Amino acid sequence: MMNMKIYIFHLILITLFCLQTWTSSVS
């Protein structure tokens, strides 16, 4: 259970980071 939560948490963090860099490069 805990491992899954940590995995999902990191996945969201990475996705947010990618979105941030992508939007900053587009605009």
PDB file of N, CA and C in Angstrom:
ATOM      1  N   MET A   1       0.842  -1.199   0.000  1.00  0.00           N
ATOM      2  CA  MET A   1       0.000   0.000   0.000  1.00  0.00           C
ATOM      3  C   MET A   1       0.886   1.263   0.000  1.00  0.00           C
ATOM      4  N   MET A   2       1.768   1.342   0.947  1.00  0.00           N
ATOM      5  CA  MET A   2       2.609   2.531   1.049  1.00  0.00           C
ATOM      6  C   MET A   2       3.483   2.707  -0.186  1.00  0.00           C
ATOM      7  N   ASN A   3       4.022   1.597  -0.686  1.00  0.00           N
ATOM      8  CA  ASN A   3       4.851   1.698  -1.879  1.00  0.00           C
ATOM      9  C   ASN A   3       4.056   2.252  -3.058  1.00  0.00           C
ATOM     10  N   MET A   4       2.803   1.842  -3.178  1.00  0.00           N
ATOM     11  CA  MET A   4       1.964   2.314  -4.264  1.00  0.00           C
ATOM     12  C   MET A   4       1.714   3.811  -4.119  1.00  0.00           C
ATOM     13  N   LYS A   5       1.467   4.256  -2.891  1.00  0.00           N
ATOM     14  CA  LYS A   5       1.221   5.680  -2.664  1.00  0.00           C
ATOM     15  C   LYS A   5       2.448   6.498  -3.044  1.00  0.00           C
ATOM     16  N   ILE A   6       3.610   6.034  -2.633  1.00  0.00           N
ATOM     17  CA  ILE A   6       4.852   6.749  -2.943  1.00  0.00           C
ATOM     18  C   ILE A   6       5.079   6.765  -4.457  1.00  0.00           C
ATOM     19  N   TYR A   7       4.804   5.644  -5.104  1.00  0.00           N
ATOM     20  CA  TYR A   7       4.987   5.551  -6.555  1.00  0.00           C
ATOM     21  C   TYR A   7       4.085   6.547  -7.278  1.00  0.00           C
ATOM     22  N   ILE A   8       2.819   6.590  -6.877  1.00  0.00           N
ATOM     23  CA  ILE A   8       1.868   7.515  -7.507  1.00  0.00           C
ATOM     24  C   ILE A   8       2.269   8.955  -7.220  1.00  0.00           C
ATOM     25  N   PHE A   9       2.724   9.213  -6.004  1.00  0.00           N
ATOM     26  CA  PHE A   9       3.135  10.566  -5.633  1.00  0.00           C
ATOM     27  C   PHE A   9       4.290  11.032  -6.510  1.00  0.00           C
ATOM     28  N   HIS A  10       5.284  10.189  -6.702  1.00  0.00           N
ATOM     29  CA  HIS A  10       6.413  10.547  -7.555  1.00  0.00           C
ATOM     30  C   HIS A  10       5.972  10.720  -9.002  1.00  0.00           C
ATOM     31  N   LEU A  11       5.054   9.875  -9.423  1.00  0.00           N
ATOM     32  CA  LEU A  11       4.564   9.960 -10.792  1.00  0.00           C
ATOM     33  C   LEU A  11       3.899  11.317 -11.031  1.00  0.00           C
ATOM     34  N   ILE A  12       3.090  11.769 -10.069  1.00  0.00           N
ATOM     35  CA  ILE A  12       2.424  13.065 -10.187  1.00  0.00           C
ATOM     36  C   ILE A  12       3.451  14.192 -10.186  1.00  0.00           C
ATOM     37  N   LEU A  13       4.455  14.088  -9.327  1.00  0.00           N
ATOM     38  CA  LEU A  13       5.488  15.119  -9.265  1.00  0.00           C
ATOM     39  C   LEU A  13       6.220  15.231 -10.596  1.00  0.00           C
ATOM     40  N   ILE A  14       6.587  14.107 -11.166  1.00  0.00           N
ATOM     41  CA  ILE A  14       7.294  14.103 -12.447  1.00  0.00           C
ATOM     42  C   ILE A  14       6.405  14.683 -13.546  1.00  0.00           C
ATOM     43  N   THR A  15       5.124  14.314 -13.530  1.00  0.00           N
ATOM     44  CA  THR A  15       4.202  14.833 -14.538  1.00  0.00           C
ATOM     45  C   THR A  15       4.067  16.342 -14.427  1.00  0.00           C
ATOM     46  N   LEU A  16       3.930  16.841 -13.198  1.00  0.00           N
ATOM     47  CA  LEU A  16       3.821  18.287 -12.989  1.00  0.00           C
ATOM     48  C   LEU A  16       5.083  18.991 -13.458  1.00  0.00           C
ATOM     49  N   PHE A  17       6.221  18.417 -13.160  1.00  0.00           N
ATOM     50  CA  PHE A  17       7.495  19.005 -13.562  1.00  0.00           C
ATOM     51  C   PHE A  17       7.600  19.067 -15.093  1.00  0.00           C
ATOM     52  N   CYS A  18       7.212  17.980 -15.756  1.00  0.00           N
ATOM     53  CA  CYS A  18       7.246  17.948 -17.224  1.00  0.00           C
ATOM     54  C   CYS A  18       6.295  18.981 -17.800  1.00  0.00           C
ATOM     55  N   LEU A  19       5.105  19.085 -17.233  1.00  0.00           N
ATOM     56  CA  LEU A  19       4.134  20.068 -17.710  1.00  0.00           C
ATOM     57  C   LEU A  19       4.672  21.479 -17.542  1.00  0.00           C
ATOM     58  N   GLN A  20       5.314  21.744 -16.424  1.00  0.00           N
ATOM     59  CA  GLN A  20       5.841  23.070 -16.154  1.00  0.00           C
ATOM     60  C   GLN A  20       6.909  23.450 -17.180  1.00  0.00           C
ATOM     61  N   THR A  21       7.835  22.542 -17.428  1.00  0.00           N
ATOM     62  CA  THR A  21       8.893  22.819 -18.390  1.00  0.00           C
ATOM     63  C   THR A  21       8.328  22.923 -19.811  1.00  0.00           C
ATOM     64  N   TRP A  22       7.340  22.103 -20.119  1.00  0.00           N
ATOM     65  CA  TRP A  22       6.741  22.129 -21.446  1.00  0.00           C
ATOM     66  C   TRP A  22       6.019  23.447 -21.692  1.00  0.00           C
ATOM     67  N   THR A  23       5.226  23.899 -20.733  1.00  0.00           N
ATOM     68  CA  THR A  23       4.481  25.142 -20.901  1.00  0.00           C
ATOM     69  C   THR A  23       5.429  26.338 -20.942  1.00  0.00           C
ATOM     70  N   SER A  24       6.501  26.293 -20.163  1.00  0.00           N
ATOM     71  CA  SER A  24       7.445  27.412 -20.152  1.00  0.00           C
ATOM     72  C   SER A  24       8.211  27.482 -21.479  1.00  0.00           C
ATOM     73  N   SER A  25       8.447  26.347 -22.107  1.00  0.00           N
ATOM     74  CA  SER A  25       9.160  26.339 -23.382  1.00  0.00           C
ATOM     75  C   SER A  25       8.229  26.750 -24.526  1.00  0.00           C
ATOM     76  N   VAL A  26       6.937  26.467 -24.375  1.00  0.00           N
ATOM     77  CA  VAL A  26       5.967  26.813 -25.424  1.00  0.00           C
ATOM     78  C   VAL A  26       5.692  28.313 -25.422  1.00  0.00           C
ATOM     79  N   SER A  27       5.458  28.871 -24.248  1.00  0.00           N
ATOM     80  CA  SER A  27       5.112  30.289 -24.170  1.00  0.00           C
ATOM     81  C   SER A  27       6.332  31.207 -24.169  1.00  0.00           C
TER      82      SER A  27
END
